[in-house]
Each structure stands twice: as structure tokens, then as C-alpha cells.
N, C-alpha and C. Protein backbone atom coordinates (compact mmCIF):
# COMPACT_ATOMS: atom_id res chain seq x y z
N MET A 1 80.53 46.32 56.06
CA MET A 1 80.49 46.95 57.26
C MET A 1 80.89 47.35 58.25
N ARG A 2 81.14 48.60 58.63
CA ARG A 2 82.20 49.24 59.75
C ARG A 2 81.99 48.97 60.90
N SER A 3 83.29 49.03 61.18
CA SER A 3 83.15 48.90 62.55
C SER A 3 82.87 49.34 63.89
N PRO A 4 82.46 49.44 65.02
CA PRO A 4 82.28 50.63 65.96
C PRO A 4 83.39 51.30 66.02
N LEU A 5 84.76 50.91 66.21
CA LEU A 5 85.89 51.96 66.16
C LEU A 5 85.55 53.01 65.00
N ASP A 6 85.55 52.37 63.62
CA ASP A 6 85.48 53.20 62.48
C ASP A 6 84.48 54.29 62.62
N LEU A 7 83.44 53.88 63.15
CA LEU A 7 81.75 54.73 63.17
C LEU A 7 82.39 55.86 64.83
N TYR A 8 83.10 55.72 65.42
CA TYR A 8 83.24 56.50 66.60
C TYR A 8 84.72 57.51 65.93
N ARG A 9 85.38 57.05 65.19
CA ARG A 9 86.52 57.61 64.81
C ARG A 9 86.02 58.74 63.87
N ASN A 10 85.15 58.28 62.61
CA ASN A 10 84.33 59.38 62.16
C ASN A 10 83.26 60.07 62.49
N THR A 11 82.90 59.88 63.69
CA THR A 11 82.10 60.80 64.46
C THR A 11 82.94 61.60 65.17
N ARG A 12 83.86 61.69 66.24
CA ARG A 12 84.91 62.22 66.37
C ARG A 12 85.41 63.22 65.91
N LEU A 13 85.71 62.92 64.20
CA LEU A 13 86.39 63.40 63.23
C LEU A 13 85.36 64.70 63.00
N LEU A 14 83.83 64.54 62.69
CA LEU A 14 82.89 65.49 62.44
C LEU A 14 82.64 66.70 63.46
N ALA A 15 82.53 65.78 64.81
CA ALA A 15 82.44 66.59 65.80
C ALA A 15 83.34 67.73 66.28
N SER A 16 84.72 67.48 65.79
CA SER A 16 85.65 68.61 66.34
C SER A 16 85.96 69.61 64.84
N ASN A 17 85.63 69.06 63.84
CA ASN A 17 85.34 69.65 62.40
C ASN A 17 83.89 70.80 63.13
N THR A 18 82.94 70.20 63.32
CA THR A 18 81.80 70.92 63.69
C THR A 18 82.03 71.91 64.56
N LYS A 19 82.40 71.75 65.55
CA LYS A 19 83.03 72.70 66.75
C LYS A 19 83.98 74.04 66.00
N ALA A 20 84.87 73.38 65.20
CA ALA A 20 85.89 74.27 64.67
C ALA A 20 85.12 75.23 63.54
N LEU A 21 84.00 74.43 62.88
CA LEU A 21 83.12 75.57 61.99
C LEU A 21 82.02 76.42 63.03
N GLU A 22 81.50 75.97 64.20
CA GLU A 22 80.79 76.87 64.67
C GLU A 22 81.95 78.23 65.51
N GLY A 23 82.86 77.86 65.66
CA GLY A 23 84.14 78.96 65.98
C GLY A 23 84.12 79.90 65.27
N GLN A 24 83.90 79.43 63.81
CA GLN A 24 84.61 80.29 62.62
C GLN A 24 83.50 81.28 62.34
N VAL A 25 82.26 80.87 62.74
CA VAL A 25 81.00 81.55 62.45
C VAL A 25 80.73 82.94 63.59
N PHE A 26 81.42 82.33 64.78
CA PHE A 26 81.38 83.56 65.97
C PHE A 26 82.62 84.43 65.43
N ARG A 27 83.84 83.81 64.78
CA ARG A 27 84.72 84.98 64.56
C ARG A 27 84.22 85.58 63.56
N ARG A 28 83.62 84.92 62.38
CA ARG A 28 83.15 86.22 61.49
C ARG A 28 82.18 87.23 61.74
N VAL A 29 80.95 86.89 62.56
CA VAL A 29 80.38 87.68 62.91
C VAL A 29 81.19 88.86 64.14
N LEU A 30 82.29 88.60 64.36
CA LEU A 30 83.09 89.17 65.49
C LEU A 30 83.75 90.25 64.15
N TYR A 31 84.35 89.67 63.65
CA TYR A 31 84.99 90.68 62.42
C TYR A 31 84.40 91.40 61.68
N GLN A 32 82.91 91.36 61.32
CA GLN A 32 82.25 92.07 60.86
C GLN A 32 81.65 93.58 61.66
N LEU A 33 81.52 92.83 63.30
CA LEU A 33 81.31 94.07 64.35
C LEU A 33 82.31 95.08 64.52
N GLU A 34 83.65 94.42 64.30
CA GLU A 34 84.72 95.36 64.48
C GLU A 34 85.12 95.89 63.22
N LEU A 35 84.84 95.39 62.12
CA LEU A 35 84.91 96.30 60.74
C LEU A 35 83.79 97.63 60.70
N ALA A 36 82.73 97.13 61.07
CA ALA A 36 81.59 98.13 61.21
C ALA A 36 81.39 99.32 62.51
N ALA A 37 82.50 98.80 63.48
CA ALA A 37 82.80 99.80 64.45
C ALA A 37 83.14 101.48 63.65
N ALA A 38 83.82 101.18 62.62
CA ALA A 38 84.56 102.30 61.97
C ALA A 38 84.02 102.62 60.59
N GLY A 39 82.66 102.35 60.41
CA GLY A 39 82.21 102.55 59.22
C GLY A 39 80.76 103.18 59.40
N SER A 40 80.05 102.87 58.40
CA SER A 40 78.86 103.80 58.46
C SER A 40 77.58 103.22 59.41
N GLU A 41 76.70 104.33 59.66
CA GLU A 41 75.45 103.79 60.41
C GLU A 41 74.91 102.12 59.92
N LEU A 42 74.86 102.23 58.38
CA LEU A 42 73.92 100.99 57.87
C LEU A 42 75.03 99.73 58.47
N GLU A 43 76.42 99.84 58.19
CA GLU A 43 77.40 98.74 58.06
C GLU A 43 77.37 98.46 59.76
N GLN A 44 76.81 99.07 60.55
CA GLN A 44 76.64 98.81 62.03
C GLN A 44 75.72 98.44 62.03
N THR A 45 74.53 99.00 61.87
CA THR A 45 73.03 98.02 62.33
C THR A 45 73.63 96.37 61.36
N LYS A 46 73.72 96.37 60.28
CA LYS A 46 73.93 95.17 59.57
C LYS A 46 74.66 94.05 60.63
N ALA A 47 75.96 94.72 60.95
CA ALA A 47 76.77 94.44 61.83
C ALA A 47 76.00 93.24 63.23
N LEU A 48 75.37 94.66 63.61
CA LEU A 48 74.44 94.05 65.13
C LEU A 48 73.79 93.16 64.61
N ALA A 49 72.60 93.14 63.38
CA ALA A 49 71.64 92.30 62.88
C ALA A 49 72.17 90.84 62.76
N ASP A 50 73.41 90.76 62.35
CA ASP A 50 74.03 89.26 62.24
C ASP A 50 74.32 88.77 63.97
N VAL A 51 74.59 89.74 64.62
CA VAL A 51 75.28 89.44 65.79
C VAL A 51 73.85 88.83 66.81
N ARG A 52 72.57 89.58 66.36
CA ARG A 52 71.55 89.02 67.14
C ARG A 52 70.87 87.97 66.36
N VAL A 53 71.36 87.59 64.79
CA VAL A 53 70.73 86.18 64.05
C VAL A 53 71.70 85.57 64.78
N LEU A 54 73.16 85.34 65.35
CA LEU A 54 73.71 84.36 65.76
C LEU A 54 73.37 83.88 67.04
N TRP A 55 73.02 84.86 68.07
CA TRP A 55 72.51 84.92 69.42
C TRP A 55 71.30 84.43 69.47
N LEU A 56 70.49 84.54 68.80
CA LEU A 56 69.13 83.94 69.05
C LEU A 56 69.34 82.66 68.00
N THR A 57 70.18 82.49 67.44
CA THR A 57 70.23 80.82 66.52
C THR A 57 70.78 80.01 68.13
N VAL A 58 71.73 80.47 68.69
CA VAL A 58 72.40 79.96 69.52
C VAL A 58 71.26 79.61 70.81
N LEU A 59 70.54 80.53 71.38
CA LEU A 59 69.23 80.44 72.17
C LEU A 59 68.19 79.60 71.62
N GLY A 60 67.99 79.69 70.18
CA GLY A 60 67.13 78.45 69.80
C GLY A 60 67.55 77.26 70.18
N LEU A 61 69.15 76.87 69.78
CA LEU A 61 69.56 75.44 69.69
C LEU A 61 69.78 75.09 71.31
N VAL A 62 69.88 75.62 71.88
CA VAL A 62 70.07 75.39 73.48
C VAL A 62 68.52 75.05 74.33
N THR A 63 67.77 75.77 73.67
CA THR A 63 66.65 75.58 74.62
C THR A 63 66.10 74.47 73.71
N ASP A 64 66.23 74.16 72.78
CA ASP A 64 65.59 72.63 71.96
C ASP A 64 65.58 71.51 73.13
N PRO A 65 64.48 70.91 72.63
CA PRO A 65 64.54 69.37 73.70
C PRO A 65 65.56 68.46 73.48
N ASP A 66 65.80 68.11 72.04
CA ASP A 66 66.74 67.41 71.51
C ASP A 66 68.16 67.91 71.98
N SER A 67 68.48 68.86 72.09
CA SER A 67 69.84 69.18 72.54
C SER A 67 70.69 68.03 73.22
N HIS A 68 71.89 68.15 72.64
CA HIS A 68 72.95 67.06 73.16
C HIS A 68 74.09 67.57 74.04
N LEU A 69 73.69 68.78 74.42
CA LEU A 69 74.70 69.40 75.56
C LEU A 69 74.14 69.20 76.87
N ALA A 70 74.83 68.85 78.09
CA ALA A 70 74.37 68.88 79.43
C ALA A 70 73.37 69.74 79.64
N LEU A 71 72.66 69.45 80.85
CA LEU A 71 71.94 70.52 81.48
C LEU A 71 72.72 71.91 81.57
N PRO A 72 73.32 71.99 82.64
CA PRO A 72 73.95 73.08 83.43
C PRO A 72 74.64 73.97 82.05
N LEU A 73 75.31 73.55 81.33
CA LEU A 73 75.74 73.86 80.13
C LEU A 73 74.57 74.93 79.07
N GLN A 74 73.39 73.60 79.07
CA GLN A 74 72.40 74.04 78.14
C GLN A 74 71.82 75.86 78.92
N LYS A 75 71.65 75.54 80.20
CA LYS A 75 71.33 76.79 80.90
C LYS A 75 71.94 77.95 81.01
N GLY A 76 73.51 77.78 81.47
CA GLY A 76 74.12 78.85 81.23
C GLY A 76 74.56 79.26 79.64
N LEU A 77 74.27 78.92 78.74
CA LEU A 77 74.63 79.18 77.26
C LEU A 77 72.76 79.91 76.97
N GLU A 78 72.12 79.56 77.83
CA GLU A 78 70.50 80.18 77.59
C GLU A 78 70.53 81.59 78.24
N GLN A 79 71.23 81.61 79.35
CA GLN A 79 71.36 82.64 80.36
C GLN A 79 72.09 83.57 79.53
N LEU A 80 73.22 82.82 78.78
CA LEU A 80 74.45 84.23 78.10
C LEU A 80 73.67 84.49 76.99
N ALA A 81 72.93 83.85 76.33
CA ALA A 81 72.40 84.24 74.91
C ALA A 81 71.07 85.21 75.12
N SER A 82 70.66 85.33 76.30
CA SER A 82 69.40 86.14 76.56
C SER A 82 70.04 87.43 76.80
N ALA A 83 70.95 87.33 77.96
CA ALA A 83 71.67 88.51 78.29
C ALA A 83 72.22 89.43 76.74
N VAL A 84 73.03 88.67 76.13
CA VAL A 84 73.17 89.28 74.86
C VAL A 84 72.28 89.79 74.06
N ILE A 85 71.02 88.93 73.73
CA ILE A 85 70.21 89.89 73.21
C ILE A 85 69.27 90.62 74.08
N ALA A 86 69.28 91.12 75.31
CA ALA A 86 68.70 92.02 75.82
C ALA A 86 69.71 93.41 75.45
N GLU A 87 70.93 92.82 75.75
CA GLU A 87 72.09 94.19 75.23
C GLU A 87 71.65 94.59 74.08
N LEU A 88 71.42 93.74 72.89
CA LEU A 88 71.29 94.23 71.67
C LEU A 88 69.72 94.81 71.67
N ASP A 89 68.74 94.42 72.34
CA ASP A 89 67.76 95.01 72.41
C ASP A 89 67.06 96.71 72.91
N LEU A 90 68.48 97.19 73.46
CA LEU A 90 69.04 98.49 74.12
C LEU A 90 68.97 99.54 72.68
N PRO A 91 68.72 100.82 72.80
CA PRO A 91 68.88 101.72 71.84
C PRO A 91 70.40 101.56 71.47
N VAL A 92 70.66 101.67 69.76
CA VAL A 92 72.28 101.31 69.62
C VAL A 92 73.26 102.00 70.62
N ALA A 93 72.82 103.53 70.98
CA ALA A 93 73.61 104.55 71.66
C ALA A 93 74.15 103.71 72.95
N GLU A 94 73.17 102.96 73.51
CA GLU A 94 73.08 102.50 74.89
C GLU A 94 73.81 101.28 75.17
N GLN A 95 74.35 100.50 73.91
CA GLN A 95 74.21 99.22 73.81
C GLN A 95 76.17 99.32 73.95
N ASP A 96 76.67 98.16 74.90
CA ASP A 96 77.83 97.91 75.32
C ASP A 96 78.81 97.16 74.09
N ARG A 97 79.17 97.72 73.61
CA ARG A 97 79.62 96.99 72.46
C ARG A 97 81.07 96.16 72.75
N ALA A 98 81.45 96.70 73.66
CA ALA A 98 83.07 96.46 74.12
C ALA A 98 82.51 94.81 74.83
N TRP A 99 81.05 94.87 75.43
CA TRP A 99 80.79 93.30 75.94
C TRP A 99 80.28 92.87 75.27
N LEU A 100 79.73 93.00 73.98
CA LEU A 100 79.20 92.05 73.00
C LEU A 100 80.23 91.22 72.39
N VAL A 101 81.45 92.20 72.02
CA VAL A 101 82.47 91.77 71.35
C VAL A 101 83.31 90.91 72.32
N GLN A 102 83.41 90.96 73.40
CA GLN A 102 84.22 90.20 74.53
C GLN A 102 83.62 88.74 74.78
N VAL A 103 82.35 88.84 74.92
CA VAL A 103 81.19 87.66 75.05
C VAL A 103 81.28 87.03 73.69
N THR A 104 81.48 87.36 72.80
CA THR A 104 81.14 86.31 71.68
C THR A 104 82.79 86.08 71.29
N SER A 105 83.72 86.53 71.55
CA SER A 105 84.99 86.63 71.16
C SER A 105 84.96 85.27 72.21
N GLN A 106 84.75 85.22 73.14
CA GLN A 106 85.43 84.15 74.32
C GLN A 106 84.72 82.84 73.99
N ILE A 107 83.18 82.98 73.21
CA ILE A 107 82.49 81.80 72.82
C ILE A 107 83.39 81.18 71.96
N ALA A 108 83.99 82.07 70.85
CA ALA A 108 84.54 81.70 69.59
C ALA A 108 85.64 80.66 70.11
N GLU A 109 86.61 81.79 71.27
CA GLU A 109 88.07 80.89 71.47
C GLU A 109 87.44 79.91 72.46
N GLY A 110 86.48 79.29 72.93
CA GLY A 110 86.23 78.14 73.64
C GLY A 110 85.75 77.12 72.64
N LEU A 111 85.10 77.48 71.50
CA LEU A 111 84.44 76.33 70.37
C LEU A 111 85.90 76.17 69.80
N GLU A 112 87.27 77.15 69.54
CA GLU A 112 88.34 76.86 68.86
C GLU A 112 89.50 75.85 69.68
N GLY A 113 89.70 76.18 71.28
CA GLY A 113 90.42 75.68 71.93
C GLY A 113 89.99 74.18 72.22
């Protein structure tokens, strides 16, 4: 049987790895979005769809009643995710891509730091 200290260490290791993996997901979506900026309309549409899926996932996770996040953090992320999704609901020509990149980048940095 493992000691409580061993269980704690394993949980901390998994949590830190999970956070790093989440940061990588944000970075991958950012990379695709930045590559698509100079690409075809189809590439841009695919990248924006990936951004939407990412932020819809964030919204779903933070609104889950079983979320482990503190309530103020949940609410803040819920508002941010809703704002990103609202921006993505605009016609492509009206979307503020720089803002989408900035917000997604800041979350990635927060997860990695």
C-alpha cells in the first residue's frame, strides 16, 4: 500500500503534467492560427474552427458543476470563453484576429508558467 505522501507526489506530478499538456494544446491552436493567416481561406477557416472547439471546450469545462477550479476563476474563464466565442461568431472579416491570438497566447503562457 502506498503512503499518503507517495499519493500526494504522484497527484502533483500528474497535475503539473496536465497543466503543461493543456498549455501545449493552446500553443498548437495558436500555431495553426498564425500559419493560416498567410494561407488559403480554407486553412484560415480550419484554424478558426480549431480555436472555436478549444474555447467551447474551455467553456464546457468551467461550467461543469464538478469543476475543481475556484469559483472566481471559473467565472472569469467563463466570461473570457464567452467573449472569444462571441468574437468567433462575427463574420470572418470583422473578427479581431490579433485579440484572439493575444487571449489564447496569454492562457497558454499562464498554463506553462
